[in-house]
Amino acid sequence: MLDQAVAEHVRKGWAVESRTETQAVVTRKSRIGWFWNIVLSVLTGGIWLLVVLYKVINRKVERKVLTVDQSGRLITV
């Protein structure tokens, strides 16, 4: 059950941070929309690159904990 849930998260772009027999922690960084950032950078003569740089440096990491309880149910926190 846990293997299936981890595999599904990995298919969706998550990375496995740690894993035990009954628990796995998966993470992913927030996406940056490169297309519009490049367009705005060109239109503003590169000034928008400061915003892009700030976004790249301060990307948030989303984390999920997948746990299988004693009755075999998957719990996502």
PDB file of N, CA and C in Angstrom:
ATOM      1  N   MET A   1       0.829  -1.190   0.000  1.00  0.00           N
ATOM      2  CA  MET A   1       0.000   0.000   0.000  1.00  0.00           C
ATOM      3  C   MET A   1       0.874   1.254   0.000  1.00  0.00           C
ATOM      4  N   LEU A   2       1.869   1.287   0.869  1.00  0.00           N
ATOM      5  CA  LEU A   2       2.762   2.444   0.937  1.00  0.00           C
ATOM      6  C   LEU A   2       3.583   2.555  -0.335  1.00  0.00           C
ATOM      7  N   ASP A   3       4.006   1.421  -0.875  1.00  0.00           N
ATOM      8  CA  ASP A   3       4.779   1.437  -2.118  1.00  0.00           C
ATOM      9  C   ASP A   3       3.984   2.076  -3.254  1.00  0.00           C
ATOM     10  N   GLN A   4       2.711   1.766  -3.343  1.00  0.00           N
ATOM     11  CA  GLN A   4       1.869   2.331  -4.393  1.00  0.00           C
ATOM     12  C   GLN A   4       1.720   3.840  -4.225  1.00  0.00           C
ATOM     13  N   ALA A   5       1.512   4.285  -2.994  1.00  0.00           N
ATOM     14  CA  ALA A   5       1.342   5.716  -2.733  1.00  0.00           C
ATOM     15  C   ALA A   5       2.633   6.481  -3.034  1.00  0.00           C
ATOM     16  N   VAL A   6       3.773   5.926  -2.642  1.00  0.00           N
ATOM     17  CA  VAL A   6       5.049   6.565  -2.924  1.00  0.00           C
ATOM     18  C   VAL A   6       5.292   6.615  -4.427  1.00  0.00           C
ATOM     19  N   ALA A   7       5.021   5.533  -5.127  1.00  0.00           N
ATOM     20  CA  ALA A   7       5.211   5.491  -6.579  1.00  0.00           C
ATOM     21  C   ALA A   7       4.327   6.531  -7.272  1.00  0.00           C
ATOM     22  N   GLU A   8       3.109   6.686  -6.810  1.00  0.00           N
ATOM     23  CA  GLU A   8       2.201   7.671  -7.396  1.00  0.00           C
ATOM     24  C   GLU A   8       2.721   9.101  -7.177  1.00  0.00           C
ATOM     25  N   HIS A   9       3.227   9.374  -5.991  1.00  0.00           N
ATOM     26  CA  HIS A   9       3.778  10.705  -5.716  1.00  0.00           C
ATOM     27  C   HIS A   9       5.034  10.964  -6.555  1.00  0.00           C
ATOM     28  N   VAL A  10       5.861   9.964  -6.718  1.00  0.00           N
ATOM     29  CA  VAL A  10       7.069  10.115  -7.533  1.00  0.00           C
ATOM     30  C   VAL A  10       6.690  10.394  -8.986  1.00  0.00           C
ATOM     31  N   ARG A  11       5.665   9.731  -9.489  1.00  0.00           N
ATOM     32  CA  ARG A  11       5.187   9.995 -10.851  1.00  0.00           C
ATOM     33  C   ARG A  11       4.715  11.439 -11.016  1.00  0.00           C
ATOM     34  N   LYS A  12       4.200  12.007  -9.942  1.00  0.00           N
ATOM     35  CA  LYS A  12       3.693  13.386  -9.990  1.00  0.00           C
ATOM     36  C   LYS A  12       4.784  14.429  -9.711  1.00  0.00           C
ATOM     37  N   GLY A  13       6.034  13.994  -9.590  1.00  0.00           N
ATOM     38  CA  GLY A  13       7.126  14.946  -9.437  1.00  0.00           C
ATOM     39  C   GLY A  13       7.667  15.120  -8.026  1.00  0.00           C
ATOM     40  N   TRP A  14       7.222  14.313  -7.098  1.00  0.00           N
ATOM     41  CA  TRP A  14       7.716  14.384  -5.725  1.00  0.00           C
ATOM     42  C   TRP A  14       8.999  13.570  -5.612  1.00  0.00           C
ATOM     43  N   ALA A  15       9.823  13.909  -4.631  1.00  0.00           N
ATOM     44  CA  ALA A  15      11.043  13.153  -4.356  1.00  0.00           C
ATOM     45  C   ALA A  15      10.918  12.524  -2.966  1.00  0.00           C
ATOM     46  N   VAL A  16      11.455  11.327  -2.807  1.00  0.00           N
ATOM     47  CA  VAL A  16      11.399  10.638  -1.521  1.00  0.00           C
ATOM     48  C   VAL A  16      12.556  11.138  -0.658  1.00  0.00           C
ATOM     49  N   GLU A  17      12.213  11.730   0.475  1.00  0.00           N
ATOM     50  CA  GLU A  17      13.230  12.258   1.390  1.00  0.00           C
ATOM     51  C   GLU A  17      13.704  11.189   2.361  1.00  0.00           C
ATOM     52  N   SER A  18      12.752  10.435   2.908  1.00  0.00           N
ATOM     53  CA  SER A  18      13.108   9.333   3.803  1.00  0.00           C
ATOM     54  C   SER A  18      11.997   8.292   3.750  1.00  0.00           C
ATOM     55  N   ARG A  19      12.352   7.091   4.178  1.00  0.00           N
ATOM     56  CA  ARG A  19      11.376   6.006   4.114  1.00  0.00           C
ATOM     57  C   ARG A  19      11.702   4.939   5.153  1.00  0.00           C
ATOM     58  N   THR A  20      10.655   4.475   5.821  1.00  0.00           N
ATOM     59  CA  THR A  20      10.769   3.332   6.724  1.00  0.00           C
ATOM     60  C   THR A  20       9.736   2.306   6.266  1.00  0.00           C
ATOM     61  N   GLU A  21       9.544   1.287   7.069  1.00  0.00           N
ATOM     62  CA  GLU A  21       8.601   0.230   6.723  1.00  0.00           C
ATOM     63  C   GLU A  21       7.158   0.727   6.667  1.00  0.00           C
ATOM     64  N   THR A  22       6.801   1.658   7.554  1.00  0.00           N
ATOM     65  CA  THR A  22       5.413   2.121   7.634  1.00  0.00           C
ATOM     66  C   THR A  22       5.232   3.592   7.301  1.00  0.00           C
ATOM     67  N   GLN A  23       6.314   4.292   6.963  1.00  0.00           N
ATOM     68  CA  GLN A  23       6.197   5.736   6.748  1.00  0.00           C
ATOM     69  C   GLN A  23       7.170   6.205   5.667  1.00  0.00           C
ATOM     70  N   ALA A  24       6.731   7.189   4.887  1.00  0.00           N
ATOM     71  CA  ALA A  24       7.599   7.799   3.889  1.00  0.00           C
ATOM     72  C   ALA A  24       7.361   9.307   3.901  1.00  0.00           C
ATOM     73  N   VAL A  25       8.426  10.063   3.680  1.00  0.00           N
ATOM     74  CA  VAL A  25       8.333  11.515   3.586  1.00  0.00           C
ATOM     75  C   VAL A  25       8.710  11.895   2.161  1.00  0.00           C
ATOM     76  N   VAL A  26       7.788  12.601   1.483  1.00  0.00           N
ATOM     77  CA  VAL A  26       8.038  13.040   0.115  1.00  0.00           C
ATOM     78  C   VAL A  26       8.024  14.564   0.074  1.00  0.00           C
ATOM     79  N   THR A  27       8.861  15.139  -0.803  1.00  0.00           N
ATOM     80  CA  THR A  27       8.976  16.590  -0.901  1.00  0.00           C
ATOM     81  C   THR A  27       8.986  17.028  -2.357  1.00  0.00           C
ATOM     82  N   ARG A  28       8.645  18.285  -2.570  1.00  0.00           N
ATOM     83  CA  ARG A  28       8.818  18.908  -3.883  1.00  0.00           C
ATOM     84  C   ARG A  28       8.915  20.412  -3.691  1.00  0.00           C
ATOM     85  N   LYS A  29       9.664  21.042  -4.587  1.00  0.00           N
ATOM     86  CA  LYS A  29       9.796  22.497  -4.555  1.00  0.00           C
ATOM     87  C   LYS A  29       8.678  23.111  -5.383  1.00  0.00           C
ATOM     88  N   SER A  30       8.250  24.300  -4.970  1.00  0.00           N
ATOM     89  CA  SER A  30       7.204  24.976  -5.725  1.00  0.00           C
ATOM     90  C   SER A  30       7.715  25.345  -7.114  1.00  0.00           C
ATOM     91  N   ARG A  31       6.809  25.347  -8.067  1.00  0.00           N
ATOM     92  CA  ARG A  31       7.181  25.622  -9.455  1.00  0.00           C
ATOM     93  C   ARG A  31       7.331  27.115  -9.702  1.00  0.00           C
ATOM     94  N   ILE A  32       8.155  27.430 -10.681  1.00  0.00           N
ATOM     95  CA  ILE A  32       8.315  28.808 -11.131  1.00  0.00           C
ATOM     96  C   ILE A  32       7.863  28.849 -12.584  1.00  0.00           C
ATOM     97  N   GLY A  33       6.928  29.721 -12.899  1.00  0.00           N
ATOM     98  CA  GLY A  33       6.451  29.853 -14.274  1.00  0.00           C
ATOM     99  C   GLY A  33       7.463  30.623 -15.113  1.00  0.00           C
ATOM    100  N   TRP A  34       8.325  29.894 -15.788  1.00  0.00           N
ATOM    101  CA  TRP A  34       9.431  30.527 -16.511  1.00  0.00           C
ATOM    102  C   TRP A  34       8.973  31.349 -17.699  1.00  0.00           C
ATOM    103  N   PHE A  35       7.949  30.921 -18.409  1.00  0.00           N
ATOM    104  CA  PHE A  35       7.537  31.619 -19.635  1.00  0.00           C
ATOM    105  C   PHE A  35       7.212  33.086 -19.362  1.00  0.00           C
ATOM    106  N   TRP A  36       6.303  33.339 -18.435  1.00  0.00           N
ATOM    107  CA  TRP A  36       5.891  34.724 -18.179  1.00  0.00           C
ATOM    108  C   TRP A  36       6.999  35.522 -17.513  1.00  0.00           C
ATOM    109  N   ASN A  37       7.834  34.877 -16.741  1.00  0.00           N
ATOM    110  CA  ASN A  37       8.958  35.600 -16.142  1.00  0.00           C
ATOM    111  C   ASN A  37       9.955  36.052 -17.207  1.00  0.00           C
ATOM    112  N   ILE A  38      10.173  35.223 -18.210  1.00  0.00           N
ATOM    113  CA  ILE A  38      11.079  35.614 -19.300  1.00  0.00           C
ATOM    114  C   ILE A  38      10.451  36.749 -20.113  1.00  0.00           C
ATOM    115  N   VAL A  39       9.158  36.632 -20.407  1.00  0.00           N
ATOM    116  CA  VAL A  39       8.476  37.695 -21.158  1.00  0.00           C
ATOM    117  C   VAL A  39       8.561  39.019 -20.407  1.00  0.00           C
ATOM    118  N   LEU A  40       8.271  39.003 -19.119  1.00  0.00           N
ATOM    119  CA  LEU A  40       8.339  40.234 -18.326  1.00  0.00           C
ATOM    120  C   LEU A  40       9.761  40.766 -18.220  1.00  0.00           C
ATOM    121  N   SER A  41      10.740  39.883 -18.165  1.00  0.00           N
ATOM    122  CA  SER A  41      12.136  40.317 -18.121  1.00  0.00           C
ATOM    123  C   SER A  41      12.522  41.038 -19.408  1.00  0.00           C
ATOM    124  N   VAL A  42      12.069  40.525 -20.539  1.00  0.00           N
ATOM    125  CA  VAL A  42      12.365  41.169 -21.822  1.00  0.00           C
ATOM    126  C   VAL A  42      11.656  42.517 -21.914  1.00  0.00           C
ATOM    127  N   LEU A  43      10.379  42.549 -21.510  1.00  0.00           N
ATOM    128  CA  LEU A  43       9.600  43.792 -21.607  1.00  0.00           C
ATOM    129  C   LEU A  43      10.111  44.887 -20.673  1.00  0.00           C
ATOM    130  N   THR A  44      10.672  44.498 -19.527  1.00  0.00           N
ATOM    131  CA  THR A  44      11.160  45.505 -18.573  1.00  0.00           C
ATOM    132  C   THR A  44      12.654  45.736 -18.685  1.00  0.00           C
ATOM    133  N   GLY A  45      13.267  45.193 -19.702  1.00  0.00           N
ATOM    134  CA  GLY A  45      14.698  45.412 -19.901  1.00  0.00           C
ATOM    135  C   GLY A  45      15.559  44.729 -18.852  1.00  0.00           C
ATOM    136  N   GLY A  46      15.080  43.642 -18.295  1.00  0.00           N
ATOM    137  CA  GLY A  46      15.867  42.875 -17.332  1.00  0.00           C
ATOM    138  C   GLY A  46      15.594  43.199 -15.875  1.00  0.00           C
ATOM    139  N   ILE A  47      14.814  44.242 -15.624  1.00  0.00           N
ATOM    140  CA  ILE A  47      14.525  44.607 -14.221  1.00  0.00           C
ATOM    141  C   ILE A  47      13.753  43.496 -13.518  1.00  0.00           C
ATOM    142  N   TRP A  48      12.880  42.830 -14.264  1.00  0.00           N
ATOM    143  CA  TRP A  48      12.072  41.745 -13.682  1.00  0.00           C
ATOM    144  C   TRP A  48      12.950  40.580 -13.216  1.00  0.00           C
ATOM    145  N   LEU A  49      14.194  40.495 -13.700  1.00  0.00           N
ATOM    146  CA  LEU A  49      15.093  39.415 -13.276  1.00  0.00           C
ATOM    147  C   LEU A  49      15.350  39.442 -11.775  1.00  0.00           C
ATOM    148  N   LEU A  50      15.251  40.623 -11.164  1.00  0.00           N
ATOM    149  CA  LEU A  50      15.399  40.712  -9.703  1.00  0.00           C
ATOM    150  C   LEU A  50      14.284  39.930  -9.004  1.00  0.00           C
ATOM    151  N   VAL A  51      13.072  40.038  -9.533  1.00  0.00           N
ATOM    152  CA  VAL A  51      11.943  39.290  -8.962  1.00  0.00           C
ATOM    153  C   VAL A  51      12.152  37.799  -9.168  1.00  0.00           C
ATOM    154  N   VAL A  52      12.594  37.419 -10.366  1.00  0.00           N
ATOM    155  CA  VAL A  52      12.831  36.010 -10.671  1.00  0.00           C
ATOM    156  C   VAL A  52      13.912  35.455  -9.750  1.00  0.00           C
ATOM    157  N   LEU A  53      14.977  36.196  -9.563  1.00  0.00           N
ATOM    158  CA  LEU A  53      16.057  35.760  -8.672  1.00  0.00           C
ATOM    159  C   LEU A  53      15.543  35.565  -7.250  1.00  0.00           C
ATOM    160  N   TYR A  54      14.722  36.486  -6.769  1.00  0.00           N
ATOM    161  CA  TYR A  54      14.125  36.354  -5.436  1.00  0.00           C
ATOM    162  C   TYR A  54      13.273  35.083  -5.342  1.00  0.00           C
ATOM    163  N   LYS A  55      12.472  34.822  -6.384  1.00  0.00           N
ATOM    164  CA  LYS A  55      11.627  33.620  -6.389  1.00  0.00           C
ATOM    165  C   LYS A  55      12.462  32.346  -6.375  1.00  0.00           C
ATOM    166  N   VAL A  56      13.546  32.337  -7.138  1.00  0.00           N
ATOM    167  CA  VAL A  56      14.394  31.143  -7.205  1.00  0.00           C
ATOM    168  C   VAL A  56      15.064  30.881  -5.858  1.00  0.00           C
ATOM    169  N   ILE A  57      15.558  31.924  -5.226  1.00  0.00           N
ATOM    170  CA  ILE A  57      16.252  31.766  -3.941  1.00  0.00           C
ATOM    171  C   ILE A  57      15.296  31.329  -2.837  1.00  0.00           C
ATOM    172  N   ASN A  58      14.076  31.832  -2.863  1.00  0.00           N
ATOM    173  CA  ASN A  58      13.118  31.586  -1.767  1.00  0.00           C
ATOM    174  C   ASN A  58      12.028  30.587  -2.129  1.00  0.00           C
ATOM    175  N   ARG A  59      12.355  29.624  -2.992  1.00  0.00           N
ATOM    176  CA  ARG A  59      11.365  28.602  -3.340  1.00  0.00           C
ATOM    177  C   ARG A  59      10.985  27.800  -2.105  1.00  0.00           C
ATOM    178  N   LYS A  60       9.692  27.580  -1.940  1.00  0.00           N
ATOM    179  CA  LYS A  60       9.203  26.827  -0.792  1.00  0.00           C
ATOM    180  C   LYS A  60       9.247  25.334  -1.084  1.00  0.00           C
ATOM    181  N   VAL A  61       9.494  24.568  -0.036  1.00  0.00           N
ATOM    182  CA  VAL A  61       9.496  23.114  -0.153  1.00  0.00           C
ATOM    183  C   VAL A  61       8.215  22.590   0.481  1.00  0.00           C
ATOM    184  N   GLU A  62       7.446  21.861  -0.308  1.00  0.00           N
ATOM    185  CA  GLU A  62       6.218  21.244   0.182  1.00  0.00           C
ATOM    186  C   GLU A  62       6.571  19.830   0.638  1.00  0.00           C
ATOM    187  N   ARG A  63       6.073  19.429   1.789  1.00  0.00           N
ATOM    188  CA  ARG A  63       6.433  18.132   2.368  1.00  0.00           C
ATOM    189  C   ARG A  63       5.168  17.392   2.789  1.00  0.00           C
ATOM    190  N   LYS A  64       5.107  16.102   2.459  1.00  0.00           N
ATOM    191  CA  LYS A  64       4.001  15.235   2.881  1.00  0.00           C
ATOM    192  C   LYS A  64       4.575  14.023   3.595  1.00  0.00           C
ATOM    193  N   VAL A  65       3.878  13.597   4.621  1.00  0.00           N
ATOM    194  CA  VAL A  65       4.241  12.376   5.341  1.00  0.00           C
ATOM    195  C   VAL A  65       3.150  11.344   5.053  1.00  0.00           C
ATOM    196  N   LEU A  66       3.557  10.237   4.463  1.00  0.00           N
ATOM    197  CA  LEU A  66       2.639   9.141   4.149  1.00  0.00           C
ATOM    198  C   LEU A  66       2.864   8.032   5.168  1.00  0.00           C
ATOM    199  N   THR A  67       1.805   7.644   5.863  1.00  0.00           N
ATOM    200  CA  THR A  67       1.919   6.640   6.918  1.00  0.00           C
ATOM    201  C   THR A  67       0.855   5.568   6.724  1.00  0.00           C
ATOM    202  N   VAL A  68       1.231   4.334   6.955  1.00  0.00           N
ATOM    203  CA  VAL A  68       0.279   3.221   6.951  1.00  0.00           C
ATOM    204  C   VAL A  68       0.067   2.808   8.405  1.00  0.00           C
ATOM    205  N   ASP A  69      -1.204   2.866   8.849  1.00  0.00           N
ATOM    206  CA  ASP A  69      -1.476   2.502  10.252  1.00  0.00           C
ATOM    207  C   ASP A  69      -1.593   0.973  10.379  1.00  0.00           C
ATOM    208  N   GLN A  70      -1.861   0.515  11.593  1.00  0.00           N
ATOM    209  CA  GLN A  70      -1.900  -0.909  11.879  1.00  0.00           C
ATOM    210  C   GLN A  70      -3.007  -1.648  11.132  1.00  0.00           C
ATOM    211  N   SER A  71      -4.081  -0.934  10.774  1.00  0.00           N
ATOM    212  CA  SER A  71      -5.179  -1.582  10.050  1.00  0.00           C
ATOM    213  C   SER A  71      -4.973  -1.522   8.536  1.00  0.00           C
ATOM    214  N   GLY A  72      -3.872  -0.951   8.087  1.00  0.00           N
ATOM    215  CA  GLY A  72      -3.543  -0.937   6.666  1.00  0.00           C
ATOM    216  C   GLY A  72      -4.056   0.271   5.894  1.00  0.00           C
ATOM    217  N   ARG A  73      -4.554   1.271   6.606  1.00  0.00           N
ATOM    218  CA  ARG A  73      -5.044   2.490   5.947  1.00  0.00           C
ATOM    219  C   ARG A  73      -3.900   3.463   5.742  1.00  0.00           C
ATOM    220  N   LEU A  74      -3.938   4.172   4.621  1.00  0.00           N
ATOM    221  CA  LEU A  74      -2.944   5.186   4.322  1.00  0.00           C
ATOM    222  C   LEU A  74      -3.373   6.513   4.894  1.00  0.00           C
ATOM    223  N   ILE A  75      -2.491   7.151   5.660  1.00  0.00           N
ATOM    224  CA  ILE A  75      -2.749   8.458   6.250  1.00  0.00           C
ATOM    225  C   ILE A  75      -1.741   9.429   5.676  1.00  0.00           C
ATOM    226  N   THR A  76      -2.240  10.536   5.131  1.00  0.00           N
ATOM    227  CA  THR A  76      -1.366  11.561   4.558  1.00  0.00           C
ATOM    228  C   THR A  76      -1.455  12.809   5.418  1.00  0.00           C
ATOM    229  N   VAL A  77      -0.295  13.288   5.866  1.00  0.00           N
ATOM    230  CA  VAL A  77      -0.248  14.502   6.677  1.00  0.00           C
ATOM    231  C   VAL A  77       0.584  15.529   5.953  1.00  0.00           C
TER     232      VAL A  77
END
